[in-house]
C-alpha atoms as a PDB file:
ATOM      1  CA  UNK A   1     -13.346   5.318  10.572  1.00  0.00           C
ATOM      2  CA  UNK A   2     -17.180   4.784  10.129  1.00  0.00           C
ATOM      3  CA  UNK A   3     -18.721   1.763  12.136  1.00  0.00           C
ATOM      4  CA  UNK A   4     -21.907   0.334  13.625  1.00  0.00           C
ATOM      5  CA  UNK A   5     -23.326  -2.712  15.155  1.00  0.00           C
ATOM      6  CA  UNK A   6     -21.876  -4.888  17.906  1.00  0.00           C
ATOM      7  CA  UNK A   7     -18.058  -6.103  18.626  1.00  0.00           C
ATOM      8  CA  UNK A   8     -17.355  -9.976  18.456  1.00  0.00           C
ATOM      9  CA  UNK A   9     -16.998 -10.335  14.956  1.00  0.00           C
ATOM     10  CA  UNK A  10     -16.636 -13.856  13.729  1.00  0.00           C
ATOM     11  CA  UNK A  11     -17.183 -13.571   9.706  1.00  0.00           C
ATOM     12  CA  UNK A  12     -14.886 -11.024   8.111  1.00  0.00           C
ATOM     13  CA  UNK A  13     -14.494  -9.913   4.885  1.00  0.00           C
ATOM     14  CA  UNK A  14     -11.616  -7.761   4.060  1.00  0.00           C
ATOM     15  CA  UNK A  15     -12.025  -5.482   0.777  1.00  0.00           C
ATOM     16  CA  UNK A  16      -8.337  -4.320   1.237  1.00  0.00           C
ATOM     17  CA  UNK A  17      -5.280  -6.375   1.018  1.00  0.00           C
ATOM     18  CA  UNK A  18      -3.735  -4.593   3.745  1.00  0.00           C
ATOM     19  CA  UNK A  19      -6.626  -5.344   5.633  1.00  0.00           C
ATOM     20  CA  UNK A  20      -5.975  -9.069   4.793  1.00  0.00           C
ATOM     21  CA  UNK A  21      -2.587  -9.002   6.031  1.00  0.00           C
ATOM     22  CA  UNK A  22      -3.614  -7.244   9.481  1.00  0.00           C
ATOM     23  CA  UNK A  23      -6.420 -10.109   9.643  1.00  0.00           C
ATOM     24  CA  UNK A  24      -3.597 -13.096   9.000  1.00  0.00           C
ATOM     25  CA  UNK A  25      -1.176 -11.387  11.761  1.00  0.00           C
ATOM     26  CA  UNK A  26      -3.730 -11.263  14.542  1.00  0.00           C
ATOM     27  CA  UNK A  27      -4.153 -15.217  13.665  1.00  0.00           C
ATOM     28  CA  UNK A  28      -7.661 -14.444  12.490  1.00  0.00           C
ATOM     29  CA  UNK A  29      -7.416 -16.503   9.172  1.00  0.00           C
ATOM     30  CA  UNK A  30     -10.205 -18.691  10.192  1.00  0.00           C
ATOM     31  CA  UNK A  31     -12.526 -16.043  10.641  1.00  0.00           C
ATOM     32  CA  UNK A  32     -11.937 -14.490   7.247  1.00  0.00           C
ATOM     33  CA  UNK A  33     -14.392 -15.482   4.698  1.00  0.00           C
ATOM     34  CA  UNK A  34     -14.270 -13.203   1.560  1.00  0.00           C
ATOM     35  CA  UNK A  35     -11.283 -10.956   0.167  1.00  0.00           C
ATOM     36  CA  UNK A  36     -10.557  -8.730  -2.787  1.00  0.00           C
ATOM     37  CA  UNK A  37      -9.180 -10.110  -6.073  1.00  0.00           C
ATOM     38  CA  UNK A  38      -5.694  -8.771  -5.208  1.00  0.00           C
ATOM     39  CA  UNK A  39      -5.431 -10.282  -1.483  1.00  0.00           C
ATOM     40  CA  UNK A  40      -2.113 -12.466  -2.276  1.00  0.00           C
ATOM     41  CA  UNK A  41      -0.556 -12.526   1.079  1.00  0.00           C
ATOM     42  CA  UNK A  42      -0.254 -14.389   2.906  1.00  0.00           C
ATOM     43  CA  UNK A  43      -0.487 -16.579   0.202  1.00  0.00           C
ATOM     44  CA  UNK A  44      -3.581 -18.702   2.449  1.00  0.00           C
ATOM     45  CA  UNK A  45      -5.670 -15.363   1.726  1.00  0.00           C
ATOM     46  CA  UNK A  46      -5.812 -16.800  -2.191  1.00  0.00           C
ATOM     47  CA  UNK A  47      -7.828 -19.623  -1.100  1.00  0.00           C
ATOM     48  CA  UNK A  48     -10.717 -17.417   0.182  1.00  0.00           C
ATOM     49  CA  UNK A  49     -13.924 -16.548  -1.891  1.00  0.00           C
ATOM     50  CA  UNK A  50     -13.191 -13.653  -3.903  1.00  0.00           C
ATOM     51  CA  UNK A  51     -15.694 -10.528  -4.018  1.00  0.00           C
ATOM     52  CA  UNK A  52     -13.649  -7.988  -6.076  1.00  0.00           C
ATOM     53  CA  UNK A  53     -12.587  -7.743  -9.845  1.00  0.00           C
ATOM     54  CA  UNK A  54     -11.183  -4.927 -11.863  1.00  0.00           C
ATOM     55  CA  UNK A  55     -13.242  -3.164 -14.181  1.00  0.00           C
ATOM     56  CA  UNK A  56     -10.208  -1.636 -16.645  1.00  0.00           C
ATOM     57  CA  UNK A  57      -9.374  -3.142 -19.857  1.00  0.00           C
ATOM     58  CA  UNK A  58      -6.450  -4.654 -20.385  1.00  0.00           C
ATOM     59  CA  UNK A  59      -3.235  -2.017 -20.718  1.00  0.00           C
ATOM     60  CA  UNK A  60       0.403  -2.469 -21.712  1.00  0.00           C
ATOM     61  CA  UNK A  61       2.004   0.216 -19.691  1.00  0.00           C
ATOM     62  CA  UNK A  62       1.928   2.724 -17.446  1.00  0.00           C
ATOM     63  CA  UNK A  63       0.680   5.691 -19.435  1.00  0.00           C
ATOM     64  CA  UNK A  64      -2.156   3.457 -20.959  1.00  0.00           C
ATOM     65  CA  UNK A  65      -3.207   2.284 -17.567  1.00  0.00           C
ATOM     66  CA  UNK A  66      -3.217   6.014 -16.011  1.00  0.00           C
ATOM     67  CA  UNK A  67      -5.415   6.951 -19.038  1.00  0.00           C
ATOM     68  CA  UNK A  68      -7.972   4.145 -18.260  1.00  0.00           C
ATOM     69  CA  UNK A  69      -8.301   5.069 -14.685  1.00  0.00           C
ATOM     70  CA  UNK A  70      -8.606   8.929 -15.722  1.00  0.00           C
ATOM     71  CA  UNK A  71     -11.289   8.326 -18.021  1.00  0.00           C
ATOM     72  CA  UNK A  72     -13.134   5.834 -15.508  1.00  0.00           C
ATOM     73  CA  UNK A  73     -13.058   8.522 -12.552  1.00  0.00           C
ATOM     74  CA  UNK A  74     -13.741  11.050 -15.038  1.00  0.00           C
ATOM     75  CA  UNK A  75     -17.220   9.625 -16.089  1.00  0.00           C
ATOM     76  CA  UNK A  76     -18.104   8.735 -12.101  1.00  0.00           C
ATOM     77  CA  UNK A  77     -17.187   5.431 -12.761  1.00  0.00           C
ATOM     78  CA  UNK A  78     -15.503   2.668 -10.276  1.00  0.00           C
ATOM     79  CA  UNK A  79     -12.250   0.824 -11.752  1.00  0.00           C
ATOM     80  CA  UNK A  80     -13.505  -2.285  -9.326  1.00  0.00           C
ATOM     81  CA  UNK A  81     -16.876  -4.243  -9.430  1.00  0.00           C
ATOM     82  CA  UNK A  82     -17.839  -5.879  -6.239  1.00  0.00           C
ATOM     83  CA  UNK A  83     -20.109  -9.146  -6.477  1.00  0.00           C
ATOM     84  CA  UNK A  84     -22.865  -8.310  -4.029  1.00  0.00           C
ATOM     85  CA  UNK A  85     -24.991 -11.420  -4.140  1.00  0.00           C
ATOM     86  CA  UNK A  86     -21.641 -13.278  -3.014  1.00  0.00           C
ATOM     87  CA  UNK A  87     -21.246 -10.988  -0.111  1.00  0.00           C
ATOM     88  CA  UNK A  88     -24.851 -11.457   0.544  1.00  0.00           C
ATOM     89  CA  UNK A  89     -24.213 -15.222   1.039  1.00  0.00           C
ATOM     90  CA  UNK A  90     -20.955 -15.198   2.859  1.00  0.00           C
ATOM     91  CA  UNK A  91     -23.258 -13.127   5.497  1.00  0.00           C
ATOM     92  CA  UNK A  92     -20.260 -11.443   7.483  1.00  0.00           C
ATOM     93  CA  UNK A  93     -20.620  -9.551  10.611  1.00  0.00           C
ATOM     94  CA  UNK A  94     -17.623  -7.123  10.113  1.00  0.00           C
ATOM     95  CA  UNK A  95     -16.445  -5.616   6.475  1.00  0.00           C
ATOM     96  CA  UNK A  96     -13.375  -3.722   6.368  1.00  0.00           C
ATOM     97  CA  UNK A  97     -12.973  -1.238   3.604  1.00  0.00           C
ATOM     98  CA  UNK A  98     -11.886   2.216   2.780  1.00  0.00           C
ATOM     99  CA  UNK A  99     -12.474   5.697   1.672  1.00  0.00           C
ATOM    100  CA  UNK A 100      -8.955   7.066   1.516  1.00  0.00           C
ATOM    101  CA  UNK A 101      -8.155   6.374  -2.281  1.00  0.00           C
ATOM    102  CA  UNK A 102     -10.671   5.633  -5.355  1.00  0.00           C
ATOM    103  CA  UNK A 103      -7.903   4.050  -7.252  1.00  0.00           C
ATOM    104  CA  UNK A 104      -6.549   1.403  -4.152  1.00  0.00           C
ATOM    105  CA  UNK A 105      -9.738  -0.369  -3.547  1.00  0.00           C
ATOM    106  CA  UNK A 106     -13.593  -0.426  -4.115  1.00  0.00           C
ATOM    107  CA  UNK A 107     -15.328   2.738  -2.633  1.00  0.00           C
ATOM    108  CA  UNK A 108     -16.676   2.557   0.527  1.00  0.00           C
ATOM    109  CA  UNK A 109     -20.361   3.679  -1.280  1.00  0.00           C
ATOM    110  CA  UNK A 110     -20.078   0.513  -3.190  1.00  0.00           C
ATOM    111  CA  UNK A 111     -19.639  -1.194  -0.112  1.00  0.00           C
ATOM    112  CA  UNK A 112     -22.290   0.464   1.799  1.00  0.00           C
ATOM    113  CA  UNK A 113     -24.831  -0.153  -0.683  1.00  0.00           C
ATOM    114  CA  UNK A 114     -23.998  -3.786  -1.436  1.00  0.00           C
ATOM    115  CA  UNK A 115     -24.294  -4.251   2.548  1.00  0.00           C
ATOM    116  CA  UNK A 116     -28.044  -2.829   2.556  1.00  0.00           C
ATOM    117  CA  UNK A 117     -28.889  -6.385   1.000  1.00  0.00           C
ATOM    118  CA  UNK A 118     -27.443  -8.405   4.037  1.00  0.00           C
ATOM    119  CA  UNK A 119     -29.062  -9.518   6.898  1.00  0.00           C
ATOM    120  CA  UNK A 120     -28.324  -8.869  10.853  1.00  0.00           C
ATOM    121  CA  UNK A 121     -26.291  -6.256  12.124  1.00  0.00           C
ATOM    122  CA  UNK A 122     -23.068  -5.797  10.077  1.00  0.00           C
ATOM    123  CA  UNK A 123     -20.127  -3.560  11.292  1.00  0.00           C
ATOM    124  CA  UNK A 124     -18.421  -1.964   8.315  1.00  0.00           C
ATOM    125  CA  UNK A 125     -15.063  -0.263   9.504  1.00  0.00           C
ATOM    126  CA  UNK A 126     -13.102   2.541   6.917  1.00  0.00           C
ATOM    127  CA  UNK A 127      -9.483   2.036   7.348  1.00  0.00           C
ATOM    128  CA  UNK A 128      -8.017   5.550   6.620  1.00  0.00           C
ATOM    129  CA  UNK A 129      -4.269   5.349   7.343  1.00  0.00           C
ATOM    130  CA  UNK A 130      -2.350   8.339   6.582  1.00  0.00           C
ATOM    131  CA  UNK A 131       0.901   7.130   8.650  1.00  0.00           C
ATOM    132  CA  UNK A 132       2.554   4.284  10.057  1.00  0.00           C
ATOM    133  CA  UNK A 133       1.409   4.949  13.836  1.00  0.00           C
ATOM    134  CA  UNK A 134      -2.173   5.088  11.723  1.00  0.00           C
ATOM    135  CA  UNK A 135      -2.016   1.666  10.931  1.00  0.00           C
ATOM    136  CA  UNK A 136      -0.514   0.535  14.375  1.00  0.00           C
ATOM    137  CA  UNK A 137      -3.877   2.185  15.184  1.00  0.00           C
ATOM    138  CA  UNK A 138      -5.865  -0.116  12.784  1.00  0.00           C
ATOM    139  CA  UNK A 139      -4.212  -2.972  13.767  1.00  0.00           C
ATOM    140  CA  UNK A 140      -5.508  -1.907  17.518  1.00  0.00           C
ATOM    141  CA  UNK A 141      -9.032  -1.498  16.276  1.00  0.00           C
ATOM    142  CA  UNK A 142      -9.376  -4.789  14.180  1.00  0.00           C
ATOM    143  CA  UNK A 143      -7.896  -6.529  17.461  1.00  0.00           C
ATOM    144  CA  UNK A 144     -10.753  -4.939  19.730  1.00  0.00           C
ATOM    145  CA  UNK A 145     -13.253  -5.637  17.123  1.00  0.00           C
ATOM    146  CA  UNK A 146     -12.766  -9.138  16.990  1.00  0.00           C
ATOM    147  CA  UNK A 147     -11.628  -9.903  20.486  1.00  0.00           C
ATOM    148  CA  UNK A 148      -7.924 -10.128  20.203  1.00  0.00           C
ATOM    149  CA  UNK A 149      -6.822  -6.658  21.914  1.00  0.00           C
ATOM    150  CA  UNK A 150      -3.662  -8.776  23.555  1.00  0.00           C
ATOM    151  CA  UNK A 151      -2.788 -10.388  20.266  1.00  0.00           C
ATOM    152  CA  UNK A 152      -2.856  -6.713  18.387  1.00  0.00           C
ATOM    153  CA  UNK A 153      -1.045  -4.928  21.132  1.00  0.00           C
ATOM    154  CA  UNK A 154       2.055  -7.855  20.621  1.00  0.00           C
ATOM    155  CA  UNK A 155       1.986  -7.106  16.688  1.00  0.00           C
ATOM    156  CA  UNK A 156       2.136  -3.199  17.670  1.00  0.00           C
ATOM    157  CA  UNK A 157       4.892  -3.562  20.279  1.00  0.00           C
ATOM    158  CA  UNK A 158       7.094  -6.075  17.663  1.00  0.00           C
ATOM    159  CA  UNK A 159       6.320  -3.450  14.760  1.00  0.00           C
ATOM    160  CA  UNK A 160       7.292  -0.498  17.040  1.00  0.00           C
ATOM    161  CA  UNK A 161      10.459  -2.239  18.497  1.00  0.00           C
ATOM    162  CA  UNK A 162      11.812  -3.020  14.843  1.00  0.00           C
ATOM    163  CA  UNK A 163      10.754   0.636  13.816  1.00  0.00           C
ATOM    164  CA  UNK A 164      13.313   1.797  16.676  1.00  0.00           C
ATOM    165  CA  UNK A 165      16.147  -0.510  16.076  1.00  0.00           C
ATOM    166  CA  UNK A 166      16.011   0.407  12.417  1.00  0.00           C
ATOM    167  CA  UNK A 167      15.732   4.160  13.696  1.00  0.00           C
ATOM    168  CA  UNK A 168      18.993   3.364  15.685  1.00  0.00           C
ATOM    169  CA  UNK A 169      20.394   1.767  12.854  1.00  0.00           C
ATOM    170  CA  UNK A 170      20.592   4.833  10.568  1.00  0.00           C
ATOM    171  CA  UNK A 171      21.255   7.602  13.462  1.00  0.00           C
ATOM    172  CA  UNK A 172      23.648   9.903  12.724  1.00  0.00           C
ATOM    173  CA  UNK A 173      24.158   9.089   9.137  1.00  0.00           C
ATOM    174  CA  UNK A 174      24.162  11.374   5.969  1.00  0.00           C
ATOM    175  CA  UNK A 175      20.332  11.483   5.105  1.00  0.00           C
ATOM    176  CA  UNK A 176      20.440  11.399   1.191  1.00  0.00           C
ATOM    177  CA  UNK A 177      17.441  13.514  -0.346  1.00  0.00           C
ATOM    178  CA  UNK A 178      15.181  10.671  -1.811  1.00  0.00           C
ATOM    179  CA  UNK A 179      12.666  10.676  -4.372  1.00  0.00           C
ATOM    180  CA  UNK A 180       9.975   7.763  -4.250  1.00  0.00           C
ATOM    181  CA  UNK A 181       7.861   7.819  -7.422  1.00  0.00           C
ATOM    182  CA  UNK A 182       4.706   5.834  -6.861  1.00  0.00           C
ATOM    183  CA  UNK A 183       3.851   5.908 -10.751  1.00  0.00           C
ATOM    184  CA  UNK A 184       6.230   6.838 -13.849  1.00  0.00           C
ATOM    185  CA  UNK A 185       3.804   7.750 -16.637  1.00  0.00           C
ATOM    186  CA  UNK A 186       3.078  10.681 -15.432  1.00  0.00           C
ATOM    187  CA  UNK A 187       5.480  10.641 -12.671  1.00  0.00           C
ATOM    188  CA  UNK A 188       3.762  10.626  -9.101  1.00  0.00           C
ATOM    189  CA  UNK A 189       5.246  11.185  -5.643  1.00  0.00           C
ATOM    190  CA  UNK A 190       5.122   9.165  -2.687  1.00  0.00           C
ATOM    191  CA  UNK A 191       2.160  10.370  -0.510  1.00  0.00           C
ATOM    192  CA  UNK A 192       0.420   9.402   2.895  1.00  0.00           C
ATOM    193  CA  UNK A 193       2.962   7.072   4.854  1.00  0.00           C
ATOM    194  CA  UNK A 194       5.650   7.091   2.368  1.00  0.00           C
ATOM    195  CA  UNK A 195       7.485  10.292   3.371  1.00  0.00           C
ATOM    196  CA  UNK A 196       7.403   9.021   6.813  1.00  0.00           C
ATOM    197  CA  UNK A 197       8.981   5.771   5.901  1.00  0.00           C
ATOM    198  CA  UNK A 198      11.920   7.718   4.075  1.00  0.00           C
ATOM    199  CA  UNK A 199      12.328   9.578   7.085  1.00  0.00           C
ATOM    200  CA  UNK A 200      12.423   6.719   9.496  1.00  0.00           C
ATOM    201  CA  UNK A 201      14.999   5.012   6.860  1.00  0.00           C
ATOM    202  CA  UNK A 202      17.153   7.772   7.293  1.00  0.00           C
ATOM    203  CA  UNK A 203      16.422   9.768   3.916  1.00  0.00           C
ATOM    204  CA  UNK A 204      14.554  12.944   3.552  1.00  0.00           C
ATOM    205  CA  UNK A 205      11.743  12.983   1.227  1.00  0.00           C
ATOM    206  CA  UNK A 206      11.525  15.380  -1.656  1.00  0.00           C
ATOM    207  CA  UNK A 207       8.746  16.490  -3.687  1.00  0.00           C
ATOM    208  CA  UNK A 208       6.627  14.271  -1.213  1.00  0.00           C
ATOM    209  CA  UNK A 209       2.978  15.076  -0.023  1.00  0.00           C
ATOM    210  CA  UNK A 210       3.045  13.184   3.500  1.00  0.00           C
ATOM    211  CA  UNK A 211      -0.372  12.676   4.981  1.00  0.00           C
ATOM    212  CA  UNK A 212      -1.927  13.229   1.597  1.00  0.00           C
ATOM    213  CA  UNK A 213      -2.517  11.390  -1.736  1.00  0.00           C
ATOM    214  CA  UNK A 214       0.078  11.192  -4.278  1.00  0.00           C
ATOM    215  CA  UNK A 215       0.521  14.000  -6.649  1.00  0.00           C
ATOM    216  CA  UNK A 216       1.180  14.456 -10.132  1.00  0.00           C
ATOM    217  CA  UNK A 217       4.927  15.724 -10.785  1.00  0.00           C
ATOM    218  CA  UNK A 218       6.463  18.019 -13.450  1.00  0.00           C
ATOM    219  CA  UNK A 219       9.898  16.323 -14.720  1.00  0.00           C
ATOM    220  CA  UNK A 220      11.158  19.915 -14.970  1.00  0.00           C
ATOM    221  CA  UNK A 221      10.645  19.800 -11.158  1.00  0.00           C
ATOM    222  CA  UNK A 222      12.553  16.466 -10.736  1.00  0.00           C
ATOM    223  CA  UNK A 223      15.051  17.435 -12.664  1.00  0.00           C
ATOM    224  CA  UNK A 224      15.533  20.583 -10.766  1.00  0.00           C
ATOM    225  CA  UNK A 225      15.159  18.847  -7.423  1.00  0.00           C
ATOM    226  CA  UNK A 226      17.839  16.409  -8.631  1.00  0.00           C
ATOM    227  CA  UNK A 227      17.605  13.747  -5.509  1.00  0.00           C
ATOM    228  CA  UNK A 228      20.639  11.567  -4.334  1.00  0.00           C
ATOM    229  CA  UNK A 229      18.433   8.564  -3.991  1.00  0.00           C
ATOM    230  CA  UNK A 230      15.360   7.619  -6.150  1.00  0.00           C
ATOM    231  CA  UNK A 231      12.936   4.914  -5.191  1.00  0.00           C
ATOM    232  CA  UNK A 232      10.475   3.520  -7.987  1.00  0.00           C
ATOM    233  CA  UNK A 233       7.457   1.863  -6.652  1.00  0.00           C
ATOM    234  CA  UNK A 234       4.656   2.064  -8.968  1.00  0.00           C
ATOM    235  CA  UNK A 235       1.075   1.032  -7.388  1.00  0.00           C
ATOM    236  CA  UNK A 236       0.154  -2.061  -7.738  1.00  0.00           C
ATOM    237  CA  UNK A 237       3.310  -3.146  -9.719  1.00  0.00           C
ATOM    238  CA  UNK A 238       5.215  -6.062  -8.457  1.00  0.00           C
ATOM    239  CA  UNK A 239       9.145  -6.099  -8.938  1.00  0.00           C
ATOM    240  CA  UNK A 240       9.095  -7.383 -12.451  1.00  0.00           C
ATOM    241  CA  UNK A 241       6.528  -4.954 -13.691  1.00  0.00           C
ATOM    242  CA  UNK A 242       8.081  -1.957 -11.870  1.00  0.00           C
ATOM    243  CA  UNK A 243      11.373  -3.060 -13.863  1.00  0.00           C
ATOM    244  CA  UNK A 244       9.788  -2.829 -17.110  1.00  0.00           C
ATOM    245  CA  UNK A 245       8.298   0.494 -16.427  1.00  0.00           C
ATOM    246  CA  UNK A 246      11.837   2.029 -15.503  1.00  0.00           C
ATOM    247  CA  UNK A 247      12.979   0.362 -18.519  1.00  0.00           C
ATOM    248  CA  UNK A 248      10.621   2.419 -20.463  1.00  0.00           C
ATOM    249  CA  UNK A 249      11.800   5.688 -18.979  1.00  0.00           C
ATOM    250  CA  UNK A 250      15.474   4.617 -19.720  1.00  0.00           C
ATOM    251  CA  UNK A 251      14.570   4.401 -23.254  1.00  0.00           C
ATOM    252  CA  UNK A 252      12.305   7.323 -23.985  1.00  0.00           C
ATOM    253  CA  UNK A 253      12.977  10.098 -21.206  1.00  0.00           C
ATOM    254  CA  UNK A 254      15.917  12.237 -21.436  1.00  0.00           C
ATOM    255  CA  UNK A 255      14.969  14.260 -18.360  1.00  0.00           C
ATOM    256  CA  UNK A 256      15.183  11.027 -16.615  1.00  0.00           C
ATOM    257  CA  UNK A 257      18.386   9.895 -17.544  1.00  0.00           C
ATOM    258  CA  UNK A 258      19.862  13.249 -16.668  1.00  0.00           C
ATOM    259  CA  UNK A 259      19.345  12.675 -13.080  1.00  0.00           C
ATOM    260  CA  UNK A 260      21.986  12.069 -10.786  1.00  0.00           C
ATOM    261  CA  UNK A 261      20.755   9.219  -9.188  1.00  0.00           C
ATOM    262  CA  UNK A 262      20.355   7.499 -12.080  1.00  0.00           C
ATOM    263  CA  UNK A 263      23.786   8.169 -13.930  1.00  0.00           C
ATOM    264  CA  UNK A 264      25.371   7.331 -10.303  1.00  0.00           C
ATOM    265  CA  UNK A 265      23.026   4.001  -9.898  1.00  0.00           C
ATOM    266  CA  UNK A 266      21.338   5.164  -7.017  1.00  0.00           C
ATOM    267  CA  UNK A 267      18.052   4.519  -8.399  1.00  0.00           C
ATOM    268  CA  UNK A 268      16.415   1.563  -7.184  1.00  0.00           C
ATOM    269  CA  UNK A 269      13.180  -0.327  -7.933  1.00  0.00           C
ATOM    270  CA  UNK A 270      11.031  -1.200  -5.127  1.00  0.00           C
ATOM    271  CA  UNK A 271       8.162  -4.217  -5.052  1.00  0.00           C
ATOM    272  CA  UNK A 272       5.409  -1.429  -4.600  1.00  0.00           C
ATOM    273  CA  UNK A 273       2.569  -3.833  -4.611  1.00  0.00           C
ATOM    274  CA  UNK A 274       3.720  -5.761  -1.745  1.00  0.00           C
ATOM    275  CA  UNK A 275       5.591  -3.334   0.234  1.00  0.00           C
ATOM    276  CA  UNK A 276       5.031   0.507  -0.571  1.00  0.00           C
ATOM    277  CA  UNK A 277       1.172   0.785  -1.551  1.00  0.00           C
ATOM    278  CA  UNK A 278      -0.160  -1.307   1.435  1.00  0.00           C
ATOM    279  CA  UNK A 279      -0.476   0.475   5.074  1.00  0.00           C
ATOM    280  CA  UNK A 280      -0.127  -3.025   6.698  1.00  0.00           C
ATOM    281  CA  UNK A 281       1.818  -4.582   9.223  1.00  0.00           C
ATOM    282  CA  UNK A 282       4.695  -4.887   6.067  1.00  0.00           C
ATOM    283  CA  UNK A 283       5.210  -1.237   6.474  1.00  0.00           C
ATOM    284  CA  UNK A 284       8.105  -1.424   9.012  1.00  0.00           C
ATOM    285  CA  UNK A 285       9.654  -4.045   5.932  1.00  0.00           C
ATOM    286  CA  UNK A 286       9.292  -1.199   3.606  1.00  0.00           C
ATOM    287  CA  UNK A 287      11.077   1.062   6.203  1.00  0.00           C
ATOM    288  CA  UNK A 288      13.755  -1.315   5.947  1.00  0.00           C
ATOM    289  CA  UNK A 289      14.095  -2.167   2.221  1.00  0.00           C
ATOM    290  CA  UNK A 290      14.068   1.780   2.069  1.00  0.00           C
ATOM    291  CA  UNK A 291      16.970   1.768   4.681  1.00  0.00           C
ATOM    292  CA  UNK A 292      19.207  -0.830   2.433  1.00  0.00           C
ATOM    293  CA  UNK A 293      18.429   1.245  -0.749  1.00  0.00           C
ATOM    294  CA  UNK A 294      19.145   4.641   0.602  1.00  0.00           C
ATOM    295  CA  UNK A 295      22.476   3.672   2.502  1.00  0.00           C
ATOM    296  CA  UNK A 296      23.651   1.016   0.378  1.00  0.00           C
ATOM    297  CA  UNK A 297      23.631  -2.070   2.895  1.00  0.00           C
ATOM    298  CA  UNK A 298      21.115  -4.868   3.251  1.00  0.00           C
ATOM    299  CA  UNK A 299      18.841  -4.744   6.358  1.00  0.00           C
ATOM    300  CA  UNK A 300      15.827  -6.586   7.766  1.00  0.00           C
ATOM    301  CA  UNK A 301      13.336  -7.368   5.065  1.00  0.00           C
ATOM    302  CA  UNK A 302      15.670  -6.444   2.030  1.00  0.00           C
ATOM    303  CA  UNK A 303      17.847  -9.197   3.344  1.00  0.00           C
ATOM    304  CA  UNK A 304      14.641 -11.752   3.783  1.00  0.00           C
ATOM    305  CA  UNK A 305      13.221 -11.058   0.558  1.00  0.00           C
ATOM    306  CA  UNK A 306      15.471 -10.513  -2.212  1.00  0.00           C
ATOM    307  CA  UNK A 307      12.772 -10.125  -4.714  1.00  0.00           C
ATOM    308  CA  UNK A 308      11.626  -6.828  -2.931  1.00  0.00           C
ATOM    309  CA  UNK A 309      14.424  -4.380  -4.120  1.00  0.00           C
ATOM    310  CA  UNK A 310      16.420  -4.059  -7.161  1.00  0.00           C
END
C-alpha cells in the first residue's frame, strides 16, 4: 500500500467499486465526492460524480472483449480513462486506487499522474488485497485514515463472525472439487481471494491460483480435472451477461458439455461483478453464495439476493 499525507480525510475519491463499498460500510458516504463508472453498490453511489470511463469499443461476447483488452494492454494503453480536470475540481484529500490489476480498474500510474495537478497534501492509497484477510485489513486501513477506527473494527468483527458461522455450517461435509471460472472464452481460473472463498464455503478449489492473478486454462486440463462443481463468474459480468456467456459454451464447446458438473447440473452461474470480482465487504456474501451452490442448499446471501446465483 502506497500513501502519503495527513490523516483525517474529509473528501474521498474512490476509484475502485470495492473501495466504494468499504466507504459506505463505514458510514462515510457523505464524505465520498467521486467514484468510477462501475461503482453501483450501494445504489447511493450512483449519485456521485463519475471520474472514469471505459476506453474499450463495444463488444458482443467474451472472446471479443478478451481480444480488445489484450490489444489495448499490448499497445501499452489503459482500458480506462480518468477525468483529471474533474478530479482537480473535486479536491480530494484521500484517493483510493489499486495496482493489483490493469484490467480491473484505472491504474495507479494514471491516478498518480492526474494527482500531480491537485493542490494541497493528498493521500493516495493503493489497495491490493489477495485474500479475505487482506480485505479486513483494507477496511481497517480506510477506517484509520478517516478517523473511523471503531466503526471499522465493528464491520470487520461482524464479517469475521459470519465467516466463522459459515465455516461451522460446512464443517464435516464432503468437500467437492470446485472450479471457478472468472472468464469463459478463453477459460480463466479464479485467482487471488477466490480459492480461499471456495475453501471457506466447504469446497476444494482446483486449477486455481490463490494469491495471484487469474490464469488462462487449457480445455484439456479442465476436462482432465473434471470438477465436481463449476462456478461461472465472469469478471465484470452481472448474472444476465454471465448466463449468456454460459449459453455460448453450451452451444459451441464439446469439452464443456462433456464435463461431469455440467452433465449432472452441478454448474452454477454467479453474479461475478457484484460478488466475486470485488474485494470488499460482500466477499463474505460470496462465500455464502458459493456454499449454497457447492452443497445444494440456500444459505445466507443466496437467500437474501435471488439474483446472485443460478
